[in-house]
Protein backbone atom coordinates (compact mmCIF):
# COMPACT_ATOMS: atom_id res chain seq x y z
CA MET A 1 -59.63 86.72 212.12
CA PHE A 2 -61.59 84.35 209.89
CA VAL A 3 -61.29 80.67 210.88
CA ARG A 4 -63.89 78.02 210.01
CA GLN A 5 -63.71 74.26 210.24
CA VAL A 6 -64.55 72.49 206.98
CA ARG A 7 -64.36 69.05 208.61
CA ASP A 8 -62.04 67.15 210.93
CA GLY A 9 -58.48 68.34 210.27
CA VAL A 10 -59.49 70.81 207.52
CA GLU A 11 -60.12 74.51 208.06
CA LEU A 12 -60.30 77.84 206.30
CA ARG A 13 -58.08 80.60 207.68
CA ALA A 14 -57.28 84.16 206.72
CA LEU A 15 -53.81 84.45 205.20
CA ARG A 16 -51.00 86.11 207.10
CA PRO A 17 -47.50 87.11 205.90
CA GLU A 18 -45.87 84.25 207.82
CA HIS A 19 -47.76 81.81 205.55
CA ALA A 20 -45.95 83.10 202.44
CA PRO A 21 -43.07 80.56 202.31
CA GLU A 22 -45.43 77.58 202.58
CA ILE A 23 -47.87 79.02 200.04
CA PHE A 24 -45.08 79.80 197.59
CA ALA A 25 -43.57 76.33 197.96
CA LEU A 26 -46.90 74.69 197.13
CA ALA A 27 -47.72 77.02 194.23
CA ASP A 28 -44.21 76.55 192.84
CA ALA A 29 -44.45 72.76 193.10
CA GLU A 30 -47.83 72.88 191.32
CA ARG A 31 -46.80 75.61 188.85
CA GLN A 32 -47.17 73.67 185.59
CA ARG A 33 -50.64 72.38 186.47
CA LEU A 34 -51.94 75.64 187.96
CA ARG A 35 -50.76 77.94 185.18
CA THR A 36 -53.08 76.16 182.76
CA TRP A 37 -56.02 77.93 184.45
CA LEU A 38 -54.73 80.65 186.80
CA PRO A 39 -53.07 83.81 185.46
CA TRP A 40 -51.47 84.78 188.79
CA VAL A 41 -49.12 81.79 188.70
CA ASP A 42 -46.86 83.30 186.05
CA CYS A 43 -46.53 86.49 188.13
CA THR A 44 -45.49 84.60 191.27
CA HIS A 45 -41.74 84.04 191.12
CA ALA A 46 -40.62 84.31 194.77
CA VAL A 47 -41.80 84.25 198.37
CA ALA A 48 -41.76 88.07 198.26
CA ASP A 49 -44.49 87.99 195.58
CA VAL A 50 -46.72 85.94 197.90
CA GLU A 51 -45.91 88.22 200.85
CA SER A 52 -46.97 91.21 198.75
CA PHE A 53 -50.18 89.44 197.72
CA ILE A 54 -50.98 88.60 201.34
CA ARG A 55 -50.33 92.17 202.54
CA ASP A 56 -52.62 93.44 199.79
CA SER A 57 -55.24 90.82 200.72
CA VAL A 58 -55.13 91.81 204.40
CA ASP A 59 -55.56 95.48 203.43
CA ARG A 60 -58.45 94.66 201.10
CA GLU A 61 -60.10 92.58 203.84
CA ALA A 62 -59.77 95.49 206.32
CA ARG A 63 -61.45 97.79 203.76
CA ARG A 64 -64.19 95.13 203.21
CA GLU A 65 -63.26 94.87 199.53
CA ALA A 66 -62.37 91.17 199.37
CA LEU A 67 -61.64 88.10 201.49
CA THR A 68 -58.78 85.70 200.74
CA LEU A 69 -58.49 82.47 202.70
CA GLY A 70 -56.24 79.45 202.86
CA ILE A 71 -57.46 75.88 202.94
CA TRP A 72 -55.43 74.05 205.58
CA ALA A 73 -55.45 70.25 205.77
CA HIS A 74 -53.95 68.68 208.90
CA GLY A 75 -51.87 71.79 209.55
CA SER A 76 -50.50 72.22 206.01
CA TYR A 77 -51.51 74.68 203.33
CA ALA A 78 -53.53 72.81 200.69
CA GLY A 79 -54.95 75.59 198.50
CA GLY A 80 -56.76 78.89 198.39
CA ILE A 81 -60.27 80.24 198.19
CA GLY A 82 -61.76 83.67 198.40
CA PHE A 83 -64.09 86.41 197.32
CA HIS A 84 -62.34 88.45 194.62
CA LYS A 85 -64.26 91.67 195.14
CA PHE A 86 -67.33 92.67 197.07
CA ASP A 87 -69.76 94.83 195.12
CA TRP A 88 -71.72 96.26 198.04
CA ALA A 89 -73.87 98.52 195.86
CA ASN A 90 -75.23 95.48 194.01
CA SER A 91 -74.88 93.04 196.93
CA ASN A 92 -72.75 90.52 195.03
CA THR A 93 -69.31 88.97 194.79
CA SER A 94 -67.37 86.32 192.91
CA LEU A 95 -65.70 83.27 194.39
CA GLY A 96 -62.51 81.59 193.23
CA TYR A 97 -60.51 78.60 194.44
CA TRP A 98 -57.60 76.25 193.79
CA ILE A 99 -56.32 73.11 195.47
CA ALA A 100 -53.09 71.11 195.38
CA SER A 101 -53.22 67.99 193.23
CA THR A 102 -52.57 65.83 196.31
CA HIS A 103 -55.88 67.05 197.79
CA GLU A 104 -58.07 66.84 194.68
CA GLY A 105 -61.15 64.65 194.83
CA ARG A 106 -61.48 64.76 198.62
CA GLY A 107 -64.29 67.30 198.87
CA LEU A 108 -62.12 70.03 200.39
CA VAL A 109 -63.03 72.64 197.78
CA SER A 110 -66.74 71.78 197.87
CA GLY A 111 -66.72 72.02 201.67
CA ALA A 112 -64.78 75.29 201.62
CA CYS A 113 -67.15 76.74 199.01
CA ARG A 114 -70.18 75.79 201.13
CA ILE A 115 -68.72 77.68 204.09
CA CYS A 116 -67.94 80.71 201.91
CA VAL A 117 -71.43 80.69 200.38
CA GLU A 118 -73.09 80.56 203.81
CA HIS A 119 -70.78 83.31 205.08
CA ALA A 120 -71.61 85.53 202.09
CA PHE A 121 -75.36 85.08 202.44
CA ASN A 122 -75.84 84.73 206.20
CA THR A 123 -73.09 86.91 207.66
CA LEU A 124 -72.37 89.46 204.94
CA GLY A 125 -75.97 89.64 203.72
CA LEU A 126 -75.06 89.42 200.04
CA HIS A 127 -77.63 88.57 197.37
CA ARG A 128 -75.58 86.91 194.60
CA ILE A 129 -72.35 84.91 194.22
CA GLU A 130 -70.70 84.18 190.90
CA ILE A 131 -68.11 81.55 189.98
CA ARG A 132 -66.26 81.64 186.65
CA CYS A 133 -64.45 78.55 185.36
CA GLY A 134 -62.46 77.82 182.23
CA THR A 135 -64.65 75.74 179.92
CA GLY A 136 -61.96 73.05 179.76
CA ASN A 137 -61.38 72.97 183.52
CA HIS A 138 -63.68 70.04 184.26
CA ARG A 139 -62.66 69.60 187.91
CA SER A 140 -63.37 73.25 188.66
CA ARG A 141 -66.68 73.31 186.75
CA VAL A 142 -68.15 70.46 188.80
CA ILE A 143 -67.94 72.50 192.02
CA PRO A 144 -70.60 75.14 191.25
CA ARG A 145 -72.91 72.51 189.76
CA ARG A 146 -72.50 70.35 192.86
CA LEU A 147 -73.45 73.33 195.06
CA GLY A 148 -76.58 74.26 193.12
CA PHE A 149 -75.17 77.22 191.16
CA LYS A 150 -76.89 77.86 187.84
CA LEU A 151 -74.97 78.07 184.58
CA GLU A 152 -75.73 81.47 183.07
CA GLY A 153 -73.61 81.27 179.95
CA THR A 154 -70.16 81.36 178.44
CA LEU A 155 -67.94 84.41 178.11
CA ARG A 156 -65.93 83.98 174.92
CA GLU A 157 -62.16 84.47 175.23
CA ALA A 158 -62.66 86.26 178.55
CA GLN A 159 -59.42 85.29 180.28
CA ARG A 160 -55.87 85.60 179.03
CA LEU A 161 -53.38 82.93 180.01
CA TRP A 162 -49.83 82.25 178.86
CA TYR A 163 -51.02 80.17 175.90
CA GLY A 164 -53.84 82.48 174.76
CA PHE A 165 -57.41 83.39 175.60
CA ILE A 166 -59.89 80.94 177.11
CA ASP A 167 -63.66 80.91 177.40
CA LEU A 168 -65.19 81.11 180.87
CA GLU A 169 -68.43 79.56 182.06
CA VAL A 170 -70.36 81.81 184.45
CA TYR A 171 -72.32 80.23 187.29
CA SER A 172 -74.41 82.08 189.87
CA LEU A 173 -76.24 81.42 193.09
CA LEU A 174 -78.78 83.76 194.64
CA ARG A 175 -79.54 83.92 198.33
CA SER A 176 -83.09 82.80 197.48
CA ASP A 177 -81.93 79.74 195.46
CA PRO A 178 -82.12 76.37 197.14
CA ARG A 179 -78.71 75.08 198.19
CA LEU A 180 -77.82 71.46 197.85
CA PRO A 181 -77.30 69.54 201.09
CA GLY A 182 -73.85 68.69 202.47
């Protein structure tokens, strides 16, 4: 089971079905803010939806297709992070994340991303990691830049949300790229 300490009182953990009520409660409380950028929010209506997502995530992890983790701050669920899909043939993956508004600006996502990046390169042996962010999502876009990811370009109207299509900025980091210090 994946468990890594981000810093004192903050850790990354693999999701389990018993986490579903707490995850749903947080996502539901943050629904209006999160749905501006995350399409899954509008498909998550009940604890059972989160339980189904977690079961699927556990299965995908067992098949080495993806890795979905929770960010836990002082024992409470604070947000999520994970590798959407491993492309083993091309040695790459993409990384996504979200955090509760009460935990924004504390470095939790940056710290969690650093751990995920090191895991992808050093443990999994991957070559490339990609992060895609909505062009208007300024808080999310600062994360890859802070970690040394390179902006590759903008995908026009690449993601559909409840209010229409949005452009996505694509950032990448190669195993051979220098990574910015802590």
